[in-house]
Amino acid sequence: MPHKCNICGKNMKSVKNIDLKGFKVSGWKCNCGNVHTNPKDVDEIVKFFRYMKTSKEIKVFKSGNSLAIRIPKQIADLYHLTQRSKLILTPEDKKLVLEITGP
């Protein structure tokens, strides 16, 4: 079903890479420059921020010869992480920073 632009009235193109304050969301873009974000994606971001209002304590556990952590489902869902996702772990002072590099 086509999504109409509220500015020019033309059909908008479905896209999956709209940058919304650092989050990639789906939605629609029009040739006139107007952008509509998918409300379901925006709702997921709102849920994330509600969830992240306070820091979450997670436990470290042994997995084979390595130590591992569990990523909470709310965060995994928001960033579309799966068992095959690839991350880069960078130590910074007393922080560990995770960066998503692949699906």
PDB file of N, CA and C in Angstrom:
ATOM      1  N   MET A   1       0.848  -1.186   0.000  1.00  0.00           N
ATOM      2  CA  MET A   1       0.000   0.000   0.000  1.00  0.00           C
ATOM      3  C   MET A   1       0.891   1.246   0.000  1.00  0.00           C
ATOM      4  N   PRO A   2       0.685   2.154  -0.958  1.00  0.00           N
ATOM      5  CA  PRO A   2       1.526   3.349  -1.044  1.00  0.00           C
ATOM      6  C   PRO A   2       1.315   4.286   0.152  1.00  0.00           C
ATOM      7  N   HIS A   3       2.391   4.961   0.505  1.00  0.00           N
ATOM      8  CA  HIS A   3       2.349   5.948   1.587  1.00  0.00           C
ATOM      9  C   HIS A   3       2.440   7.327   0.920  1.00  0.00           C
ATOM     10  N   LYS A   4       1.457   8.176   1.158  1.00  0.00           N
ATOM     11  CA  LYS A   4       1.387   9.498   0.514  1.00  0.00           C
ATOM     12  C   LYS A   4       2.111  10.551   1.336  1.00  0.00           C
ATOM     13  N   CYS A   5       2.808  11.442   0.649  1.00  0.00           N
ATOM     14  CA  CYS A   5       3.490  12.574   1.275  1.00  0.00           C
ATOM     15  C   CYS A   5       2.449  13.611   1.691  1.00  0.00           C
ATOM     16  N   ASN A   6       2.564  14.103   2.911  1.00  0.00           N
ATOM     17  CA  ASN A   6       1.618  15.111   3.386  1.00  0.00           C
ATOM     18  C   ASN A   6       1.978  16.519   2.904  1.00  0.00           C
ATOM     19  N   ILE A   7       3.107  16.675   2.213  1.00  0.00           N
ATOM     20  CA  ILE A   7       3.503  17.983   1.685  1.00  0.00           C
ATOM     21  C   ILE A   7       3.135  18.113   0.209  1.00  0.00           C
ATOM     22  N   CYS A   8       3.590  17.144  -0.606  1.00  0.00           N
ATOM     23  CA  CYS A   8       3.346  17.262  -2.046  1.00  0.00           C
ATOM     24  C   CYS A   8       2.248  16.327  -2.556  1.00  0.00           C
ATOM     25  N   GLY A   9       1.838  15.349  -1.746  1.00  0.00           N
ATOM     26  CA  GLY A   9       0.764  14.442  -2.137  1.00  0.00           C
ATOM     27  C   GLY A   9       1.198  13.266  -2.986  1.00  0.00           C
ATOM     28  N   LYS A  10       2.490  13.161  -3.322  1.00  0.00           N
ATOM     29  CA  LYS A  10       2.982  12.058  -4.149  1.00  0.00           C
ATOM     30  C   LYS A  10       3.269  10.832  -3.284  1.00  0.00           C
ATOM     31  N   ASN A  11       3.382   9.671  -3.962  1.00  0.00           N
ATOM     32  CA  ASN A  11       3.736   8.447  -3.264  1.00  0.00           C
ATOM     33  C   ASN A  11       5.177   8.529  -2.775  1.00  0.00           C
ATOM     34  N   MET A  12       5.404   8.024  -1.557  1.00  0.00           N
ATOM     35  CA  MET A  12       6.734   8.028  -0.964  1.00  0.00           C
ATOM     36  C   MET A  12       7.386   6.662  -1.152  1.00  0.00           C
ATOM     37  N   LYS A  13       8.710   6.644  -1.177  1.00  0.00           N
ATOM     38  CA  LYS A  13       9.472   5.407  -1.336  1.00  0.00           C
ATOM     39  C   LYS A  13       9.758   4.800   0.037  1.00  0.00           C
ATOM     40  N   SER A  14       9.535   3.497   0.169  1.00  0.00           N
ATOM     41  CA  SER A  14       9.830   2.782   1.408  1.00  0.00           C
ATOM     42  C   SER A  14      11.346   2.637   1.553  1.00  0.00           C
ATOM     43  N   VAL A  15      11.876   2.996   2.729  1.00  0.00           N
ATOM     44  CA  VAL A  15      13.318   2.904   2.998  1.00  0.00           C
ATOM     45  C   VAL A  15      13.540   2.279   4.377  1.00  0.00           C
ATOM     46  N   LYS A  16      14.743   1.761   4.592  1.00  0.00           N
ATOM     47  CA  LYS A  16      15.065   1.115   5.863  1.00  0.00           C
ATOM     48  C   LYS A  16      16.253   1.758   6.555  1.00  0.00           C
ATOM     49  N   ASN A  17      16.697   2.920   6.105  1.00  0.00           N
ATOM     50  CA  ASN A  17      17.927   3.491   6.656  1.00  0.00           C
ATOM     51  C   ASN A  17      17.789   4.951   7.085  1.00  0.00           C
ATOM     52  N   ILE A  18      16.676   5.312   7.669  1.00  0.00           N
ATOM     53  CA  ILE A  18      16.499   6.683   8.155  1.00  0.00           C
ATOM     54  C   ILE A  18      17.247   6.810   9.475  1.00  0.00           C
ATOM     55  N   ASP A  19      18.087   7.843   9.581  1.00  0.00           N
ATOM     56  CA  ASP A  19      18.826   8.086  10.814  1.00  0.00           C
ATOM     57  C   ASP A  19      17.961   8.925  11.743  1.00  0.00           C
ATOM     58  N   LEU A  20      17.611   8.361  12.893  1.00  0.00           N
ATOM     59  CA  LEU A  20      16.794   9.066  13.879  1.00  0.00           C
ATOM     60  C   LEU A  20      17.600   9.146  15.167  1.00  0.00           C
ATOM     61  N   LYS A  21      18.327  10.262  15.317  1.00  0.00           N
ATOM     62  CA  LYS A  21      19.157  10.495  16.514  1.00  0.00           C
ATOM     63  C   LYS A  21      20.104   9.326  16.779  1.00  0.00           C
ATOM     64  N   GLY A  22      20.744   8.836  15.727  1.00  0.00           N
ATOM     65  CA  GLY A  22      21.718   7.763  15.871  1.00  0.00           C
ATOM     66  C   GLY A  22      21.154   6.359  15.708  1.00  0.00           C
ATOM     67  N   PHE A  23      19.847   6.221  15.598  1.00  0.00           N
ATOM     68  CA  PHE A  23      19.206   4.927  15.397  1.00  0.00           C
ATOM     69  C   PHE A  23      18.758   4.828  13.950  1.00  0.00           C
ATOM     70  N   LYS A  24      18.936   3.662  13.355  1.00  0.00           N
ATOM     71  CA  LYS A  24      18.461   3.419  12.000  1.00  0.00           C
ATOM     72  C   LYS A  24      17.045   2.851  12.067  1.00  0.00           C
ATOM     73  N   VAL A  25      16.111   3.540  11.430  1.00  0.00           N
ATOM     74  CA  VAL A  25      14.714   3.098  11.434  1.00  0.00           C
ATOM     75  C   VAL A  25      14.213   3.022  10.001  1.00  0.00           C
ATOM     76  N   SER A  26      13.109   2.313   9.823  1.00  0.00           N
ATOM     77  CA  SER A  26      12.482   2.251   8.504  1.00  0.00           C
ATOM     78  C   SER A  26      11.438   3.349   8.407  1.00  0.00           C
ATOM     79  N   GLY A  27      10.968   3.561   7.206  1.00  0.00           N
ATOM     80  CA  GLY A  27       9.946   4.586   6.992  1.00  0.00           C
ATOM     81  C   GLY A  27       9.792   4.870   5.513  1.00  0.00           C
ATOM     82  N   TRP A  28       9.513   6.130   5.190  1.00  0.00           N
ATOM     83  CA  TRP A  28       9.264   6.525   3.811  1.00  0.00           C
ATOM     84  C   TRP A  28       9.928   7.862   3.532  1.00  0.00           C
ATOM     85  N   LYS A  29      10.486   7.995   2.316  1.00  0.00           N
ATOM     86  CA  LYS A  29      11.096   9.247   1.880  1.00  0.00           C
ATOM     87  C   LYS A  29      10.432   9.681   0.584  1.00  0.00           C
ATOM     88  N   CYS A  30      10.239  10.979   0.474  1.00  0.00           N
ATOM     89  CA  CYS A  30       9.642  11.550  -0.722  1.00  0.00           C
ATOM     90  C   CYS A  30      10.700  12.320  -1.509  1.00  0.00           C
ATOM     91  N   ASN A  31      10.496  12.432  -2.807  1.00  0.00           N
ATOM     92  CA  ASN A  31      11.411  13.209  -3.647  1.00  0.00           C
ATOM     93  C   ASN A  31      11.464  14.676  -3.234  1.00  0.00           C
ATOM     94  N   CYS A  32      10.421  15.172  -2.571  1.00  0.00           N
ATOM     95  CA  CYS A  32      10.403  16.574  -2.133  1.00  0.00           C
ATOM     96  C   CYS A  32      11.257  16.786  -0.884  1.00  0.00           C
ATOM     97  N   GLY A  33      11.790  15.674  -0.291  1.00  0.00           N
ATOM     98  CA  GLY A  33      12.637  15.771   0.888  1.00  0.00           C
ATOM     99  C   GLY A  33      11.933  15.422   2.191  1.00  0.00           C
ATOM    100  N   ASN A  34      10.628  15.248   2.154  1.00  0.00           N
ATOM    101  CA  ASN A  34       9.869  14.907   3.351  1.00  0.00           C
ATOM    102  C   ASN A  34      10.168  13.462   3.762  1.00  0.00           C
ATOM    103  N   VAL A  35      10.236  13.219   5.083  1.00  0.00           N
ATOM    104  CA  VAL A  35      10.529  11.892   5.617  1.00  0.00           C
ATOM    105  C   VAL A  35       9.492  11.544   6.672  1.00  0.00           C
ATOM    106  N   HIS A  36       8.953  10.335   6.601  1.00  0.00           N
ATOM    107  CA  HIS A  36       8.057   9.802   7.626  1.00  0.00           C
ATOM    108  C   HIS A  36       8.732   8.569   8.208  1.00  0.00           C
ATOM    109  N   THR A  37       8.863   8.509   9.531  1.00  0.00           N
ATOM    110  CA  THR A  37       9.429   7.327  10.168  1.00  0.00           C
ATOM    111  C   THR A  37       8.321   6.340  10.506  1.00  0.00           C
ATOM    112  N   ASN A  38       8.674   5.074  10.513  1.00  0.00           N
ATOM    113  CA  ASN A  38       7.720   4.023  10.834  1.00  0.00           C
ATOM    114  C   ASN A  38       7.402   4.090  12.333  1.00  0.00           C
ATOM    115  N   PRO A  39       6.139   4.290  12.703  1.00  0.00           N
ATOM    116  CA  PRO A  39       5.778   4.404  14.126  1.00  0.00           C
ATOM    117  C   PRO A  39       6.191   3.198  14.962  1.00  0.00           C
ATOM    118  N   LYS A  40       6.187   1.999  14.374  1.00  0.00           N
ATOM    119  CA  LYS A  40       6.589   0.804  15.130  1.00  0.00           C
ATOM    120  C   LYS A  40       8.063   0.889  15.526  1.00  0.00           C
ATOM    121  N   ASP A  41       8.907   1.369  14.606  1.00  0.00           N
ATOM    122  CA  ASP A  41      10.333   1.517  14.909  1.00  0.00           C
ATOM    123  C   ASP A  41      10.553   2.579  15.982  1.00  0.00           C
ATOM    124  N   VAL A  42       9.830   3.678  15.883  1.00  0.00           N
ATOM    125  CA  VAL A  42       9.948   4.750  16.878  1.00  0.00           C
ATOM    126  C   VAL A  42       9.492   4.237  18.245  1.00  0.00           C
ATOM    127  N   ASP A  43       8.430   3.439  18.280  1.00  0.00           N
ATOM    128  CA  ASP A  43       7.964   2.855  19.542  1.00  0.00           C
ATOM    129  C   ASP A  43       9.055   1.993  20.185  1.00  0.00           C
ATOM    130  N   GLU A  44       9.807   1.253  19.355  1.00  0.00           N
ATOM    131  CA  GLU A  44      10.894   0.423  19.887  1.00  0.00           C
ATOM    132  C   GLU A  44      11.977   1.289  20.529  1.00  0.00           C
ATOM    133  N   ILE A  45      12.268   2.438  19.930  1.00  0.00           N
ATOM    134  CA  ILE A  45      13.267   3.347  20.495  1.00  0.00           C
ATOM    135  C   ILE A  45      12.764   3.921  21.815  1.00  0.00           C
ATOM    136  N   VAL A  46      11.493   4.279  21.869  1.00  0.00           N
ATOM    137  CA  VAL A  46      10.900   4.789  23.111  1.00  0.00           C
ATOM    138  C   VAL A  46      10.984   3.725  24.201  1.00  0.00           C
ATOM    139  N   LYS A  47      10.663   2.470  23.865  1.00  0.00           N
ATOM    140  CA  LYS A  47      10.770   1.370  24.834  1.00  0.00           C
ATOM    141  C   LYS A  47      12.200   1.236  25.339  1.00  0.00           C
ATOM    142  N   PHE A  48      13.159   1.367  24.414  1.00  0.00           N
ATOM    143  CA  PHE A  48      14.569   1.270  24.778  1.00  0.00           C
ATOM    144  C   PHE A  48      14.938   2.340  25.799  1.00  0.00           C
ATOM    145  N   PHE A  49      14.548   3.586  25.536  1.00  0.00           N
ATOM    146  CA  PHE A  49      14.912   4.658  26.457  1.00  0.00           C
ATOM    147  C   PHE A  49      14.222   4.510  27.809  1.00  0.00           C
ATOM    148  N   ARG A  50      13.005   4.018  27.809  1.00  0.00           N
ATOM    149  CA  ARG A  50      12.338   3.730  29.092  1.00  0.00           C
ATOM    150  C   ARG A  50      13.106   2.648  29.841  1.00  0.00           C
ATOM    151  N   TYR A  51      13.520   1.620  29.124  1.00  0.00           N
ATOM    152  CA  TYR A  51      14.256   0.514  29.727  1.00  0.00           C
ATOM    153  C   TYR A  51      15.618   0.982  30.245  1.00  0.00           C
ATOM    154  N   MET A  52      16.269   1.880  29.509  1.00  0.00           N
ATOM    155  CA  MET A  52      17.625   2.294  29.833  1.00  0.00           C
ATOM    156  C   MET A  52      17.702   3.495  30.785  1.00  0.00           C
ATOM    157  N   LYS A  53      16.585   3.934  31.338  1.00  0.00           N
ATOM    158  CA  LYS A  53      16.614   5.081  32.257  1.00  0.00           C
ATOM    159  C   LYS A  53      17.574   4.836  33.412  1.00  0.00           C
ATOM    160  N   THR A  54      17.722   3.598  33.786  1.00  0.00           N
ATOM    161  CA  THR A  54      18.667   3.263  34.843  1.00  0.00           C
ATOM    162  C   THR A  54      19.645   2.236  34.280  1.00  0.00           C
ATOM    163  N   SER A  55      20.838   2.234  34.830  1.00  0.00           N
ATOM    164  CA  SER A  55      21.837   1.250  34.404  1.00  0.00           C
ATOM    165  C   SER A  55      21.356  -0.149  34.761  1.00  0.00           C
ATOM    166  N   LYS A  56      21.740  -1.094  33.960  1.00  0.00           N
ATOM    167  CA  LYS A  56      21.367  -2.487  34.190  1.00  0.00           C
ATOM    168  C   LYS A  56      22.608  -3.270  34.613  1.00  0.00           C
ATOM    169  N   GLU A  57      22.473  -4.014  35.690  1.00  0.00           N
ATOM    170  CA  GLU A  57      23.571  -4.867  36.106  1.00  0.00           C
ATOM    171  C   GLU A  57      23.421  -6.208  35.404  1.00  0.00           C
ATOM    172  N   ILE A  58      24.496  -6.641  34.780  1.00  0.00           N
ATOM    173  CA  ILE A  58      24.488  -7.943  34.127  1.00  0.00           C
ATOM    174  C   ILE A  58      25.618  -8.777  34.714  1.00  0.00           C
ATOM    175  N   LYS A  59      25.467 -10.072  34.652  1.00  0.00           N
ATOM    176  CA  LYS A  59      26.456 -10.971  35.235  1.00  0.00           C
ATOM    177  C   LYS A  59      27.388 -11.496  34.154  1.00  0.00           C
ATOM    178  N   VAL A  60      28.622 -11.707  34.556  1.00  0.00           N
ATOM    179  CA  VAL A  60      29.614 -12.346  33.705  1.00  0.00           C
ATOM    180  C   VAL A  60      29.584 -13.834  34.044  1.00  0.00           C
ATOM    181  N   PHE A  61      29.635 -14.684  33.018  1.00  0.00           N
ATOM    182  CA  PHE A  61      29.628 -16.120  33.262  1.00  0.00           C
ATOM    183  C   PHE A  61      30.657 -16.801  32.378  1.00  0.00           C
ATOM    184  N   LYS A  62      31.010 -18.019  32.734  1.00  0.00           N
ATOM    185  CA  LYS A  62      32.007 -18.773  31.972  1.00  0.00           C
ATOM    186  C   LYS A  62      31.327 -19.513  30.832  1.00  0.00           C
ATOM    187  N   SER A  63      31.947 -19.435  29.660  1.00  0.00           N
ATOM    188  CA  SER A  63      31.470 -20.140  28.477  1.00  0.00           C
ATOM    189  C   SER A  63      32.694 -20.752  27.796  1.00  0.00           C
ATOM    190  N   GLY A  64      32.897 -22.038  27.984  1.00  0.00           N
ATOM    191  CA  GLY A  64      34.118 -22.664  27.475  1.00  0.00           C
ATOM    192  C   GLY A  64      35.316 -22.121  28.235  1.00  0.00           C
ATOM    193  N   ASN A  65      36.315 -21.639  27.509  1.00  0.00           N
ATOM    194  CA  ASN A  65      37.494 -21.036  28.141  1.00  0.00           C
ATOM    195  C   ASN A  65      37.380 -19.519  28.237  1.00  0.00           C
ATOM    196  N   SER A  66      36.238 -18.981  27.848  1.00  0.00           N
ATOM    197  CA  SER A  66      36.052 -17.531  27.833  1.00  0.00           C
ATOM    198  C   SER A  66      35.062 -17.093  28.905  1.00  0.00           C
ATOM    199  N   LEU A  67      35.032 -15.794  29.147  1.00  0.00           N
ATOM    200  CA  LEU A  67      33.982 -15.192  29.956  1.00  0.00           C
ATOM    201  C   LEU A  67      32.989 -14.553  29.007  1.00  0.00           C
ATOM    202  N   ALA A  68      31.717 -14.549  29.381  1.00  0.00           N
ATOM    203  CA  ALA A  68      30.668 -14.029  28.498  1.00  0.00           C
ATOM    204  C   ALA A  68      29.689 -13.175  29.302  1.00  0.00           C
ATOM    205  N   ILE A  69      28.928 -12.366  28.589  1.00  0.00           N
ATOM    206  CA  ILE A  69      27.837 -11.596  29.193  1.00  0.00           C
ATOM    207  C   ILE A  69      26.585 -11.834  28.361  1.00  0.00           C
ATOM    208  N   ARG A  70      25.439 -11.609  28.964  1.00  0.00           N
ATOM    209  CA  ARG A  70      24.171 -11.686  28.225  1.00  0.00           C
ATOM    210  C   ARG A  70      23.740 -10.269  27.905  1.00  0.00           C
ATOM    211  N   ILE A  71      23.296 -10.054  26.686  1.00  0.00           N
ATOM    212  CA  ILE A  71      22.759  -8.753  26.288  1.00  0.00           C
ATOM    213  C   ILE A  71      21.249  -8.827  26.472  1.00  0.00           C
ATOM    214  N   PRO A  72      20.677  -7.911  27.261  1.00  0.00           N
ATOM    215  CA  PRO A  72      19.220  -7.954  27.486  1.00  0.00           C
ATOM    216  C   PRO A  72      18.443  -7.928  26.171  1.00  0.00           C
ATOM    217  N   LYS A  73      17.339  -8.661  26.134  1.00  0.00           N
ATOM    218  CA  LYS A  73      16.515  -8.801  24.940  1.00  0.00           C
ATOM    219  C   LYS A  73      16.100  -7.452  24.367  1.00  0.00           C
ATOM    220  N   GLN A  74      15.736  -6.490  25.227  1.00  0.00           N
ATOM    221  CA  GLN A  74      15.299  -5.179  24.744  1.00  0.00           C
ATOM    222  C   GLN A  74      16.391  -4.502  23.917  1.00  0.00           C
ATOM    223  N   ILE A  75      17.630  -4.648  24.336  1.00  0.00           N
ATOM    224  CA  ILE A  75      18.745  -4.043  23.602  1.00  0.00           C
ATOM    225  C   ILE A  75      19.026  -4.833  22.329  1.00  0.00           C
ATOM    226  N   ALA A  76      19.023  -6.163  22.428  1.00  0.00           N
ATOM    227  CA  ALA A  76      19.262  -7.002  21.253  1.00  0.00           C
ATOM    228  C   ALA A  76      18.207  -6.744  20.178  1.00  0.00           C
ATOM    229  N   ASP A  77      16.953  -6.627  20.575  1.00  0.00           N
ATOM    230  CA  ASP A  77      15.878  -6.364  19.618  1.00  0.00           C
ATOM    231  C   ASP A  77      16.049  -5.000  18.952  1.00  0.00           C
ATOM    232  N   LEU A  78      16.382  -3.997  19.739  1.00  0.00           N
ATOM    233  CA  LEU A  78      16.524  -2.650  19.195  1.00  0.00           C
ATOM    234  C   LEU A  78      17.635  -2.580  18.150  1.00  0.00           C
ATOM    235  N   TYR A  79      18.751  -3.263  18.429  1.00  0.00           N
ATOM    236  CA  TYR A  79      19.886  -3.225  17.505  1.00  0.00           C
ATOM    237  C   TYR A  79      19.886  -4.390  16.522  1.00  0.00           C
ATOM    238  N   HIS A  80      18.811  -5.174  16.510  1.00  0.00           N
ATOM    239  CA  HIS A  80      18.650  -6.308  15.589  1.00  0.00           C
ATOM    240  C   HIS A  80      19.825  -7.281  15.702  1.00  0.00           C
ATOM    241  N   LEU A  81      20.258  -7.557  16.926  1.00  0.00           N
ATOM    242  CA  LEU A  81      21.354  -8.489  17.156  1.00  0.00           C
ATOM    243  C   LEU A  81      20.842  -9.924  17.121  1.00  0.00           C
ATOM    244  N   THR A  82      21.647 -10.790  16.545  1.00  0.00           N
ATOM    245  CA  THR A  82      21.345 -12.216  16.514  1.00  0.00           C
ATOM    246  C   THR A  82      22.584 -12.969  16.979  1.00  0.00           C
ATOM    247  N   GLN A  83      22.488 -14.288  17.013  1.00  0.00           N
ATOM    248  CA  GLN A  83      23.650 -15.109  17.388  1.00  0.00           C
ATOM    249  C   GLN A  83      24.791 -14.950  16.395  1.00  0.00           C
ATOM    250  N   ARG A  84      24.497 -14.468  15.203  1.00  0.00           N
ATOM    251  CA  ARG A  84      25.536 -14.307  14.172  1.00  0.00           C
ATOM    252  C   ARG A  84      26.068 -12.880  14.079  1.00  0.00           C
ATOM    253  N   SER A  85      25.558 -11.986  14.902  1.00  0.00           N
ATOM    254  CA  SER A  85      26.021 -10.595  14.868  1.00  0.00           C
ATOM    255  C   SER A  85      27.500 -10.531  15.226  1.00  0.00           C
ATOM    256  N   LYS A  86      28.177  -9.559  14.626  1.00  0.00           N
ATOM    257  CA  LYS A  86      29.598  -9.363  14.908  1.00  0.00           C
ATOM    258  C   LYS A  86      29.772  -8.017  15.604  1.00  0.00           C
ATOM    259  N   LEU A  87      30.557  -8.042  16.689  1.00  0.00           N
ATOM    260  CA  LEU A  87      30.793  -6.846  17.492  1.00  0.00           C
ATOM    261  C   LEU A  87      32.288  -6.667  17.692  1.00  0.00           C
ATOM    262  N   ILE A  88      32.699  -5.419  17.882  1.00  0.00           N
ATOM    263  CA  ILE A  88      34.076  -5.128  18.273  1.00  0.00           C
ATOM    264  C   ILE A  88      34.033  -4.678  19.730  1.00  0.00           C
ATOM    265  N   LEU A  89      34.884  -5.271  20.556  1.00  0.00           N
ATOM    266  CA  LEU A  89      34.979  -4.927  21.966  1.00  0.00           C
ATOM    267  C   LEU A  89      36.233  -4.082  22.171  1.00  0.00           C
ATOM    268  N   THR A  90      36.045  -2.862  22.695  1.00  0.00           N
ATOM    269  CA  THR A  90      37.155  -1.959  22.922  1.00  0.00           C
ATOM    270  C   THR A  90      37.193  -1.561  24.403  1.00  0.00           C
ATOM    271  N   PRO A  91      38.303  -1.856  25.098  1.00  0.00           N
ATOM    272  CA  PRO A  91      38.415  -1.412  26.485  1.00  0.00           C
ATOM    273  C   PRO A  91      38.778   0.067  26.547  1.00  0.00           C
ATOM    274  N   GLU A  92      38.086   0.814  27.411  1.00  0.00           N
ATOM    275  CA  GLU A  92      38.368   2.239  27.630  1.00  0.00           C
ATOM    276  C   GLU A  92      38.314   2.499  29.122  1.00  0.00           C
ATOM    277  N   ASP A  93      39.465   2.738  29.752  1.00  0.00           N
ATOM    278  CA  ASP A  93      39.551   2.940  31.203  1.00  0.00           C
ATOM    279  C   ASP A  93      38.784   1.826  31.914  1.00  0.00           C
ATOM    280  N   LYS A  94      37.707   2.159  32.611  1.00  0.00           N
ATOM    281  CA  LYS A  94      36.916   1.139  33.317  1.00  0.00           C
ATOM    282  C   LYS A  94      35.645   0.799  32.545  1.00  0.00           C
ATOM    283  N   LYS A  95      35.638   1.057  31.245  1.00  0.00           N
ATOM    284  CA  LYS A  95      34.475   0.774  30.404  1.00  0.00           C
ATOM    285  C   LYS A  95      34.852  -0.256  29.349  1.00  0.00           C
ATOM    286  N   LEU A  96      33.859  -0.989  28.911  1.00  0.00           N
ATOM    287  CA  LEU A  96      33.988  -1.856  27.740  1.00  0.00           C
ATOM    288  C   LEU A  96      32.972  -1.359  26.727  1.00  0.00           C
ATOM    289  N   VAL A  97      33.426  -0.981  25.538  1.00  0.00           N
ATOM    290  CA  VAL A  97      32.560  -0.433  24.510  1.00  0.00           C
ATOM    291  C   VAL A  97      32.360  -1.498  23.430  1.00  0.00           C
ATOM    292  N   LEU A  98      31.085  -1.749  23.095  1.00  0.00           N
ATOM    293  CA  LEU A  98      30.741  -2.696  22.029  1.00  0.00           C
ATOM    294  C   LEU A  98      30.285  -1.925  20.803  1.00  0.00           C
ATOM    295  N   GLU A  99      30.835  -2.271  19.650  1.00  0.00           N
ATOM    296  CA  GLU A  99      30.421  -1.647  18.381  1.00  0.00           C
ATOM    297  C   GLU A  99      29.971  -2.734  17.428  1.00  0.00           C
ATOM    298  N   ILE A 100      28.787  -2.536  16.840  1.00  0.00           N
ATOM    299  CA  ILE A 100      28.235  -3.526  15.908  1.00  0.00           C
ATOM    300  C   ILE A 100      28.920  -3.357  14.563  1.00  0.00           C
ATOM    301  N   THR A 101      29.468  -4.457  14.027  1.00  0.00           N
ATOM    302  CA  THR A 101      30.151  -4.375  12.735  1.00  0.00           C
ATOM    303  C   THR A 101      29.479  -5.194  11.646  1.00  0.00           C
ATOM    304  N   GLY A 102      28.578  -6.084  12.005  1.00  0.00           N
ATOM    305  CA  GLY A 102      27.934  -6.899  10.973  1.00  0.00           C
ATOM    306  C   GLY A 102      26.673  -7.556  11.501  1.00  0.00           C
ATOM    307  N   PRO A 103      25.934  -8.134  10.571  1.00  0.00           N
ATOM    308  CA  PRO A 103      24.642  -8.724  10.934  1.00  0.00           C
ATOM    309  C   PRO A 103      24.798  -9.810  11.884  1.00  0.00           C
TER     310      PRO A 103
END
